[in-house]
Amino acid sequence: MLLAIDMGNTQTALGLFDGDKLVRSWRMPTDRTFTADEIHVRLLGYLRMYGLTLGCVDEIAFAGVVPQLTHEWHAVAERIAARCIAVGPDTAAVTHIRAPHPEEVGADRIANAVAAEKFYGAPSIVVDFGTATNIDVVAADGCYIGGAIAPGLRISMDALVARAARIASIPLETPPHAIGCTTEEAVQSGAVLGTAAMAEGLVARIRAELEAPDACVIATGGLAPIVATSTKVFDVVDGQLTLKGICEIARRMRDREPRTV
């Protein structure tokens, strides 16, 4: 089976695939101090929860934004004799990126674009609500062409709490009204509804630039369910989109390998 890893700045999502089917998924913190030993123990624990062993993993594919952890994951793959693929320059032959500097495009954004085109068609727009809010755009020919990056919802909330002395930590929930009747509701309106409004505005502009008013809009990322309840701009909410894209890239890489008789 394939273990797909979406290594973000705050959390790392892991998905175990049997072919194209996602059979298990987990989340763990992205801790830059983790060694290969720590990752190995955690992975073993996740698998044991469902009666699985490391022997079921014959391939690891990851999209990572933390180079030092990428190195540690490679070490884990070597220990369990699993084939290892990193989304990026090494997989450029099976992804379609039309950008001035393709080497600068984040691996998670590449995976999102691949999954969006495969599962939802093109043109399409992915809004990924994580540490940052990333908007990834797939043109009508299936190529990733760019997008937008904004501070994430939780980062914005943390900054507000840190700088505004009279605002305590407030749960990230959709408020009942845009006009907040209490301080808590007002902050939730600005944060959650404000993020939804930003997504609506950028999606509208992107659709206009694409000349594709019906381009599919997909929400993903850990905070997608919160924002998605506040807007009708999304056609689909797919929390596993990035993992699916990593799996698809790994499949394409296998298909390129010469077959032995």
C-alpha atoms as a PDB file:
ATOM      1  CA  MET A   1       0.000   0.000   0.000  1.00  0.00           C
ATOM      2  CA  LEU A   2       0.959   3.622  -0.481  1.00  0.00           C
ATOM      3  CA  LEU A   3       1.407   6.004   2.435  1.00  0.00           C
ATOM      4  CA  ALA A   4       0.730   9.579   1.250  1.00  0.00           C
ATOM      5  CA  ILE A   5       1.984  12.405   3.435  1.00  0.00           C
ATOM      6  CA  ASP A   6       0.898  16.037   3.251  1.00  0.00           C
ATOM      7  CA  MET A   7       3.442  17.830   5.421  1.00  0.00           C
ATOM      8  CA  GLY A   8       2.171  21.315   6.209  1.00  0.00           C
ATOM      9  CA  ASN A   9       3.667  24.008   8.414  1.00  0.00           C
ATOM     10  CA  THR A  10       1.341  23.220  11.326  1.00  0.00           C
ATOM     11  CA  GLN A  11      -0.032  19.717  10.786  1.00  0.00           C
ATOM     12  CA  THR A  12       0.943  16.661   8.780  1.00  0.00           C
ATOM     13  CA  ALA A  13      -1.836  14.593   7.222  1.00  0.00           C
ATOM     14  CA  LEU A  14      -1.181  10.940   6.432  1.00  0.00           C
ATOM     15  CA  GLY A  15      -3.293   8.695   4.225  1.00  0.00           C
ATOM     16  CA  LEU A  16      -2.935   4.979   3.527  1.00  0.00           C
ATOM     17  CA  PHE A  17      -4.087   4.019   0.036  1.00  0.00           C
ATOM     18  CA  ASP A  18      -4.902   0.601  -1.357  1.00  0.00           C
ATOM     19  CA  GLY A  19      -4.762   1.408  -5.049  1.00  0.00           C
ATOM     20  CA  ASP A  20      -6.842   4.568  -5.446  1.00  0.00           C
ATOM     21  CA  LYS A  21      -8.877   3.885  -2.305  1.00  0.00           C
ATOM     22  CA  LEU A  22      -8.061   5.814   0.864  1.00  0.00           C
ATOM     23  CA  VAL A  23      -8.432   3.222   3.626  1.00  0.00           C
ATOM     24  CA  ARG A  24      -7.087   5.129   6.662  1.00  0.00           C
ATOM     25  CA  SER A  25      -6.032   8.667   7.471  1.00  0.00           C
ATOM     26  CA  TRP A  26      -4.404  10.397  10.430  1.00  0.00           C
ATOM     27  CA  ARG A  27      -3.075  13.788  11.476  1.00  0.00           C
ATOM     28  CA  MET A  28      -0.018  14.596  13.547  1.00  0.00           C
ATOM     29  CA  PRO A  29       1.726  17.852  14.470  1.00  0.00           C
ATOM     30  CA  THR A  30       4.452  19.110  12.164  1.00  0.00           C
ATOM     31  CA  ASP A  31       7.250  19.314  14.706  1.00  0.00           C
ATOM     32  CA  ARG A  32      10.568  20.355  13.191  1.00  0.00           C
ATOM     33  CA  THR A  33      12.408  18.617  16.044  1.00  0.00           C
ATOM     34  CA  PHE A  34      11.082  15.178  15.099  1.00  0.00           C
ATOM     35  CA  THR A  35      13.761  12.672  14.201  1.00  0.00           C
ATOM     36  CA  ALA A  36      13.351   9.591  12.053  1.00  0.00           C
ATOM     37  CA  ASP A  37      13.049   7.590  15.294  1.00  0.00           C
ATOM     38  CA  GLU A  38      10.117   9.706  16.529  1.00  0.00           C
ATOM     39  CA  ILE A  39       8.353   9.527  13.162  1.00  0.00           C
ATOM     40  CA  HIS A  40       8.937   5.770  13.015  1.00  0.00           C
ATOM     41  CA  VAL A  41       7.357   5.216  16.442  1.00  0.00           C
ATOM     42  CA  ARG A  42       4.346   7.410  15.660  1.00  0.00           C
ATOM     43  CA  LEU A  43       3.739   5.733  12.316  1.00  0.00           C
ATOM     44  CA  LEU A  44       3.960   2.312  13.938  1.00  0.00           C
ATOM     45  CA  GLY A  45       1.414   3.395  16.545  1.00  0.00           C
ATOM     46  CA  TYR A  46      -1.063   4.699  13.956  1.00  0.00           C
ATOM     47  CA  LEU A  47      -0.904   1.457  11.994  1.00  0.00           C
ATOM     48  CA  ARG A  48      -1.260  -0.731  15.095  1.00  0.00           C
ATOM     49  CA  MET A  49      -4.525   1.034  15.984  1.00  0.00           C
ATOM     50  CA  TYR A  50      -6.083  -0.764  13.019  1.00  0.00           C
ATOM     51  CA  GLY A  51      -4.194  -4.040  13.238  1.00  0.00           C
ATOM     52  CA  LEU A  52      -1.711  -3.063  10.531  1.00  0.00           C
ATOM     53  CA  THR A  53       2.085  -3.263  10.442  1.00  0.00           C
ATOM     54  CA  LEU A  54       4.845  -1.343   8.717  1.00  0.00           C
ATOM     55  CA  GLY A  55       5.144  -4.283   6.351  1.00  0.00           C
ATOM     56  CA  CYS A  56       1.940  -3.201   4.587  1.00  0.00           C
ATOM     57  CA  VAL A  57       3.625   0.022   3.423  1.00  0.00           C
ATOM     58  CA  ASP A  58       5.589  -0.567   0.246  1.00  0.00           C
ATOM     59  CA  GLU A  59       5.640   3.025  -1.002  1.00  0.00           C
ATOM     60  CA  ILE A  60       5.809   6.464   0.609  1.00  0.00           C
ATOM     61  CA  ALA A  61       4.978   9.636  -1.297  1.00  0.00           C
ATOM     62  CA  PHE A  62       4.947  13.071   0.268  1.00  0.00           C
ATOM     63  CA  ALA A  63       4.449  16.715  -0.430  1.00  0.00           C
ATOM     64  CA  GLY A  64       6.388  18.690   2.141  1.00  0.00           C
ATOM     65  CA  VAL A  65       7.223  22.293   2.947  1.00  0.00           C
ATOM     66  CA  VAL A  66       9.696  21.508   5.760  1.00  0.00           C
ATOM     67  CA  PRO A  67      13.013  20.333   4.244  1.00  0.00           C
ATOM     68  CA  GLN A  68      14.511  18.940   7.464  1.00  0.00           C
ATOM     69  CA  LEU A  69      11.487  16.700   8.025  1.00  0.00           C
ATOM     70  CA  THR A  70      11.565  15.556   4.412  1.00  0.00           C
ATOM     71  CA  HIS A  71      15.046  14.201   5.119  1.00  0.00           C
ATOM     72  CA  GLU A  72      13.778  12.344   8.213  1.00  0.00           C
ATOM     73  CA  TRP A  73      10.891  10.792   6.273  1.00  0.00           C
ATOM     74  CA  HIS A  74      13.358   9.559   3.662  1.00  0.00           C
ATOM     75  CA  ALA A  75      15.261   7.844   6.481  1.00  0.00           C
ATOM     76  CA  VAL A  76      12.056   6.149   7.685  1.00  0.00           C
ATOM     77  CA  ALA A  77      11.334   4.931   4.150  1.00  0.00           C
ATOM     78  CA  GLU A  78      14.801   3.415   3.936  1.00  0.00           C
ATOM     79  CA  ARG A  79      14.271   1.582   7.236  1.00  0.00           C
ATOM     80  CA  ILE A  80      11.077  -0.109   6.131  1.00  0.00           C
ATOM     81  CA  ALA A  81      12.358  -0.732   2.595  1.00  0.00           C
ATOM     82  CA  ALA A  82       9.637   1.391   1.051  1.00  0.00           C
ATOM     83  CA  ARG A  83       9.981   3.196  -2.260  1.00  0.00           C
ATOM     84  CA  CYS A  84       9.992   6.959  -1.628  1.00  0.00           C
ATOM     85  CA  ILE A  85       8.729   9.766  -3.878  1.00  0.00           C
ATOM     86  CA  ALA A  86       8.814  13.473  -3.126  1.00  0.00           C
ATOM     87  CA  VAL A  87       6.431  15.721  -5.065  1.00  0.00           C
ATOM     88  CA  GLY A  88       8.442  18.475  -6.725  1.00  0.00           C
ATOM     89  CA  PRO A  89      11.227  18.612  -9.324  1.00  0.00           C
ATOM     90  CA  ASP A  90      11.544  14.818  -9.364  1.00  0.00           C
ATOM     91  CA  THR A  91       7.902  14.437 -10.376  1.00  0.00           C
ATOM     92  CA  ALA A  92       7.775  17.323 -12.875  1.00  0.00           C
ATOM     93  CA  ALA A  93       7.391  14.931 -15.801  1.00  0.00           C
ATOM     94  CA  VAL A  94       3.931  13.825 -14.613  1.00  0.00           C
ATOM     95  CA  THR A  95       2.558  17.155 -13.421  1.00  0.00           C
ATOM     96  CA  HIS A  96       1.532  20.059 -15.598  1.00  0.00           C
ATOM     97  CA  ILE A  97       2.748  23.430 -14.377  1.00  0.00           C
ATOM     98  CA  ARG A  98       2.613  26.516 -16.537  1.00  0.00           C
ATOM     99  CA  ALA A  99       4.312  29.127 -14.370  1.00  0.00           C
ATOM    100  CA  PRO A 100       7.389  31.351 -14.781  1.00  0.00           C
ATOM    101  CA  HIS A 101       9.250  29.557 -11.972  1.00  0.00           C
ATOM    102  CA  PRO A 102       7.782  26.055 -11.553  1.00  0.00           C
ATOM    103  CA  GLU A 103      10.473  25.140  -9.023  1.00  0.00           C
ATOM    104  CA  GLU A 104       8.949  27.705  -6.634  1.00  0.00           C
ATOM    105  CA  VAL A 105       5.477  26.137  -6.633  1.00  0.00           C
ATOM    106  CA  GLY A 106       4.759  24.398  -3.324  1.00  0.00           C
ATOM    107  CA  ALA A 107       4.433  20.621  -3.431  1.00  0.00           C
ATOM    108  CA  ASP A 108       1.019  20.768  -1.753  1.00  0.00           C
ATOM    109  CA  ARG A 109      -0.227  23.176  -4.413  1.00  0.00           C
ATOM    110  CA  ILE A 110       0.977  20.838  -7.153  1.00  0.00           C
ATOM    111  CA  ALA A 111      -0.854  17.939  -5.503  1.00  0.00           C
ATOM    112  CA  ASN A 112      -4.031  20.030  -5.168  1.00  0.00           C
ATOM    113  CA  ALA A 113      -3.927  20.948  -8.857  1.00  0.00           C
ATOM    114  CA  VAL A 114      -3.400  17.345  -9.962  1.00  0.00           C
ATOM    115  CA  ALA A 115      -6.280  16.090  -7.810  1.00  0.00           C
ATOM    116  CA  ALA A 116      -8.610  18.916  -8.843  1.00  0.00           C
ATOM    117  CA  GLU A 117      -8.084  18.209 -12.543  1.00  0.00           C
ATOM    118  CA  LYS A 118      -8.409  14.426 -12.148  1.00  0.00           C
ATOM    119  CA  PHE A 119     -11.454  14.288  -9.895  1.00  0.00           C
ATOM    120  CA  TYR A 120     -13.333  17.516 -10.685  1.00  0.00           C
ATOM    121  CA  GLY A 121     -12.173  18.541 -14.146  1.00  0.00           C
ATOM    122  CA  ALA A 122     -10.726  21.719 -15.571  1.00  0.00           C
ATOM    123  CA  PRO A 123     -10.839  24.620 -15.263  1.00  0.00           C
ATOM    124  CA  SER A 124     -11.045  24.453 -11.490  1.00  0.00           C
ATOM    125  CA  ILE A 125     -10.088  26.460  -8.426  1.00  0.00           C
ATOM    126  CA  VAL A 126      -8.877  25.001  -5.125  1.00  0.00           C
ATOM    127  CA  VAL A 127      -9.086  26.991  -1.894  1.00  0.00           C
ATOM    128  CA  ASP A 128      -6.896  25.316   0.726  1.00  0.00           C
ATOM    129  CA  PHE A 129      -7.524  26.543   4.276  1.00  0.00           C
ATOM    130  CA  GLY A 130      -4.431  25.724   6.299  1.00  0.00           C
ATOM    131  CA  THR A 131      -1.649  27.716   7.952  1.00  0.00           C
ATOM    132  CA  ALA A 132      -1.947  29.914   4.874  1.00  0.00           C
ATOM    133  CA  THR A 133      -5.025  30.178   2.694  1.00  0.00           C
ATOM    134  CA  ASN A 134      -3.819  29.034  -0.721  1.00  0.00           C
ATOM    135  CA  ILE A 135      -5.852  29.420  -3.879  1.00  0.00           C
ATOM    136  CA  ASP A 136      -4.654  27.194  -6.713  1.00  0.00           C
ATOM    137  CA  VAL A 137      -5.910  27.594 -10.269  1.00  0.00           C
ATOM    138  CA  VAL A 138      -6.103  24.921 -12.959  1.00  0.00           C
ATOM    139  CA  ALA A 139      -6.676  26.212 -16.486  1.00  0.00           C
ATOM    140  CA  ALA A 140      -8.956  24.605 -19.055  1.00  0.00           C
ATOM    141  CA  ASP A 141      -6.046  22.551 -20.453  1.00  0.00           C
ATOM    142  CA  GLY A 142      -5.374  20.999 -17.036  1.00  0.00           C
ATOM    143  CA  CYS A 143      -2.252  23.024 -16.238  1.00  0.00           C
ATOM    144  CA  TYR A 144      -1.590  24.687 -12.908  1.00  0.00           C
ATOM    145  CA  ILE A 145      -1.131  28.386 -13.687  1.00  0.00           C
ATOM    146  CA  GLY A 146      -0.877  30.136 -10.316  1.00  0.00           C
ATOM    147  CA  GLY A 147      -3.201  31.500  -7.687  1.00  0.00           C
ATOM    148  CA  ALA A 148      -3.120  33.498  -4.472  1.00  0.00           C
ATOM    149  CA  ILE A 149      -1.684  33.135  -0.968  1.00  0.00           C
ATOM    150  CA  ALA A 150      -3.116  34.870   2.096  1.00  0.00           C
ATOM    151  CA  PRO A 151      -2.565  34.529   5.855  1.00  0.00           C
ATOM    152  CA  GLY A 152      -4.523  31.602   7.227  1.00  0.00           C
ATOM    153  CA  LEU A 153      -7.571  31.946   9.429  1.00  0.00           C
ATOM    154  CA  ARG A 154      -5.864  30.677  12.572  1.00  0.00           C
ATOM    155  CA  ILE A 155      -2.789  32.865  12.009  1.00  0.00           C
ATOM    156  CA  SER A 156      -5.025  35.908  11.697  1.00  0.00           C
ATOM    157  CA  MET A 157      -6.869  35.003  14.897  1.00  0.00           C
ATOM    158  CA  ASP A 158      -3.637  34.382  16.804  1.00  0.00           C
ATOM    159  CA  ALA A 159      -2.233  37.727  15.658  1.00  0.00           C
ATOM    160  CA  LEU A 160      -5.406  39.535  16.718  1.00  0.00           C
ATOM    161  CA  VAL A 161      -5.405  37.932  20.160  1.00  0.00           C
ATOM    162  CA  ALA A 162      -1.706  38.706  20.618  1.00  0.00           C
ATOM    163  CA  ARG A 163      -2.050  42.389  19.664  1.00  0.00           C
ATOM    164  CA  ALA A 164      -5.469  43.268  21.081  1.00  0.00           C
ATOM    165  CA  ALA A 165      -5.207  43.259  24.865  1.00  0.00           C
ATOM    166  CA  ARG A 166      -8.942  43.013  25.543  1.00  0.00           C
ATOM    167  CA  ILE A 167      -9.669  40.162  23.144  1.00  0.00           C
ATOM    168  CA  ALA A 168      -9.195  36.728  24.635  1.00  0.00           C
ATOM    169  CA  SER A 169      -8.875  33.539  22.612  1.00  0.00           C
ATOM    170  CA  ILE A 170     -12.178  32.954  20.812  1.00  0.00           C
ATOM    171  CA  PRO A 171     -13.326  29.656  19.250  1.00  0.00           C
ATOM    172  CA  LEU A 172     -13.328  29.489  15.482  1.00  0.00           C
ATOM    173  CA  GLU A 173     -17.020  29.078  14.766  1.00  0.00           C
ATOM    174  CA  THR A 174     -19.470  30.525  12.273  1.00  0.00           C
ATOM    175  CA  PRO A 175     -21.438  33.311  13.992  1.00  0.00           C
ATOM    176  CA  PRO A 176     -25.235  33.504  13.605  1.00  0.00           C
ATOM    177  CA  HIS A 177     -25.090  36.950  11.972  1.00  0.00           C
ATOM    178  CA  ALA A 178     -22.656  39.167  10.126  1.00  0.00           C
ATOM    179  CA  ILE A 179     -23.415  41.897  12.656  1.00  0.00           C
ATOM    180  CA  GLY A 180     -21.847  40.561  15.839  1.00  0.00           C
ATOM    181  CA  CYS A 181     -23.898  41.450  18.916  1.00  0.00           C
ATOM    182  CA  THR A 182     -21.052  40.571  21.282  1.00  0.00           C
ATOM    183  CA  THR A 183     -17.296  40.922  21.051  1.00  0.00           C
ATOM    184  CA  GLU A 184     -16.993  37.179  20.491  1.00  0.00           C
ATOM    185  CA  GLU A 185     -19.516  37.220  17.643  1.00  0.00           C
ATOM    186  CA  ALA A 186     -17.916  40.317  16.125  1.00  0.00           C
ATOM    187  CA  VAL A 187     -14.492  38.653  16.059  1.00  0.00           C
ATOM    188  CA  GLN A 188     -15.981  35.467  14.604  1.00  0.00           C
ATOM    189  CA  SER A 189     -17.753  37.515  11.955  1.00  0.00           C
ATOM    190  CA  GLY A 190     -14.562  39.289  10.982  1.00  0.00           C
ATOM    191  CA  ALA A 191     -12.455  36.126  11.013  1.00  0.00           C
ATOM    192  CA  VAL A 192     -14.715  33.391   9.664  1.00  0.00           C
ATOM    193  CA  LEU A 193     -17.144  35.381   7.525  1.00  0.00           C
ATOM    194  CA  GLY A 194     -14.288  37.661   6.464  1.00  0.00           C
ATOM    195  CA  THR A 195     -12.292  34.671   5.251  1.00  0.00           C
ATOM    196  CA  ALA A 196     -15.363  33.375   3.398  1.00  0.00           C
ATOM    197  CA  ALA A 197     -15.893  36.791   1.799  1.00  0.00           C
ATOM    198  CA  MET A 198     -12.239  36.918   0.742  1.00  0.00           C
ATOM    199  CA  ALA A 199     -12.614  33.511  -0.904  1.00  0.00           C
ATOM    200  CA  GLU A 200     -15.787  34.644  -2.670  1.00  0.00           C
ATOM    201  CA  GLY A 201     -14.126  37.793  -3.959  1.00  0.00           C
ATOM    202  CA  LEU A 202     -10.956  36.102  -5.208  1.00  0.00           C
ATOM    203  CA  VAL A 203     -12.882  33.234  -6.800  1.00  0.00           C
ATOM    204  CA  ALA A 204     -15.076  35.737  -8.654  1.00  0.00           C
ATOM    205  CA  ARG A 205     -12.022  37.589  -9.976  1.00  0.00           C
ATOM    206  CA  ILE A 206     -10.261  34.364 -10.964  1.00  0.00           C
ATOM    207  CA  ARG A 207     -13.325  33.055 -12.784  1.00  0.00           C
ATOM    208  CA  ALA A 208     -13.515  36.348 -14.656  1.00  0.00           C
ATOM    209  CA  GLU A 209      -9.842  36.180 -15.646  1.00  0.00           C
ATOM    210  CA  LEU A 210     -10.266  32.579 -16.766  1.00  0.00           C
ATOM    211  CA  GLU A 211     -13.459  33.523 -18.617  1.00  0.00           C
ATOM    212  CA  ALA A 212     -14.907  30.463 -16.904  1.00  0.00           C
ATOM    213  CA  PRO A 213     -17.869  31.462 -14.736  1.00  0.00           C
ATOM    214  CA  ASP A 214     -18.689  27.820 -14.038  1.00  0.00           C
ATOM    215  CA  ALA A 215     -15.181  26.698 -13.029  1.00  0.00           C
ATOM    216  CA  CYS A 216     -15.486  24.148 -10.232  1.00  0.00           C
ATOM    217  CA  VAL A 217     -14.440  25.486  -6.815  1.00  0.00           C
ATOM    218  CA  ILE A 218     -13.122  22.990  -4.275  1.00  0.00           C
ATOM    219  CA  ALA A 219     -12.473  23.689  -0.598  1.00  0.00           C
ATOM    220  CA  THR A 220      -9.874  21.652   1.272  1.00  0.00           C
ATOM    221  CA  GLY A 221      -7.607  21.915   4.289  1.00  0.00           C
ATOM    222  CA  GLY A 222      -8.179  21.535   8.004  1.00  0.00           C
ATOM    223  CA  LEU A 223     -10.295  24.680   8.353  1.00  0.00           C
ATOM    224  CA  ALA A 224     -12.400  24.145   5.225  1.00  0.00           C
ATOM    225  CA  PRO A 225     -15.464  22.747   7.061  1.00  0.00           C
ATOM    226  CA  ILE A 226     -15.688  25.890   9.212  1.00  0.00           C
ATOM    227  CA  VAL A 227     -15.494  28.355   6.330  1.00  0.00           C
ATOM    228  CA  ALA A 228     -17.636  26.268   3.981  1.00  0.00           C
ATOM    229  CA  THR A 229     -20.673  26.662   6.243  1.00  0.00           C
ATOM    230  CA  SER A 230     -20.441  30.431   5.728  1.00  0.00           C
ATOM    231  CA  THR A 231     -20.557  30.625   1.939  1.00  0.00           C
ATOM    232  CA  LYS A 232     -22.096  29.018  -1.131  1.00  0.00           C
ATOM    233  CA  VAL A 233     -19.057  29.630  -3.326  1.00  0.00           C
ATOM    234  CA  PHE A 234     -17.791  26.053  -3.019  1.00  0.00           C
ATOM    235  CA  ASP A 235     -19.076  23.317  -5.279  1.00  0.00           C
ATOM    236  CA  VAL A 236     -17.244  20.628  -3.301  1.00  0.00           C
ATOM    237  CA  VAL A 237     -15.597  20.265   0.109  1.00  0.00           C
ATOM    238  CA  ASP A 238     -12.906  17.578  -0.100  1.00  0.00           C
ATOM    239  CA  GLY A 239     -10.752  17.368   2.992  1.00  0.00           C
ATOM    240  CA  GLN A 240      -8.528  14.672   1.464  1.00  0.00           C
ATOM    241  CA  LEU A 241      -7.830  16.441  -1.838  1.00  0.00           C
ATOM    242  CA  THR A 242      -4.096  16.915  -1.253  1.00  0.00           C
ATOM    243  CA  LEU A 243      -3.568  13.300  -0.207  1.00  0.00           C
ATOM    244  CA  LYS A 244      -5.469  12.151  -3.309  1.00  0.00           C
ATOM    245  CA  GLY A 245      -3.226  14.314  -5.469  1.00  0.00           C
ATOM    246  CA  ILE A 246      -0.088  12.855  -3.893  1.00  0.00           C
ATOM    247  CA  CYS A 247      -1.411   9.352  -4.530  1.00  0.00           C
ATOM    248  CA  GLU A 248      -2.199  10.194  -8.165  1.00  0.00           C
ATOM    249  CA  ILE A 249       1.289  11.634  -8.743  1.00  0.00           C
ATOM    250  CA  ALA A 250       2.854   8.492  -7.291  1.00  0.00           C
ATOM    251  CA  ARG A 251       0.705   6.342  -9.608  1.00  0.00           C
ATOM    252  CA  ARG A 252       1.799   8.354 -12.628  1.00  0.00           C
ATOM    253  CA  MET A 253       5.446   7.957 -11.637  1.00  0.00           C
ATOM    254  CA  ARG A 254       5.012   4.181 -11.393  1.00  0.00           C
ATOM    255  CA  ASP A 255       3.374   4.110 -14.818  1.00  0.00           C
ATOM    256  CA  ARG A 256       6.431   5.802 -16.326  1.00  0.00           C
ATOM    257  CA  GLU A 257       8.801   3.121 -15.115  1.00  0.00           C
ATOM    258  CA  PRO A 258       9.900   0.483 -17.620  1.00  0.00           C
ATOM    259  CA  ARG A 259       8.046  -2.783 -17.141  1.00  0.00           C
ATOM    260  CA  THR A 260       9.996  -5.958 -16.581  1.00  0.00           C
ATOM    261  CA  VAL A 261       8.979  -9.108 -18.420  1.00  0.00           C
END
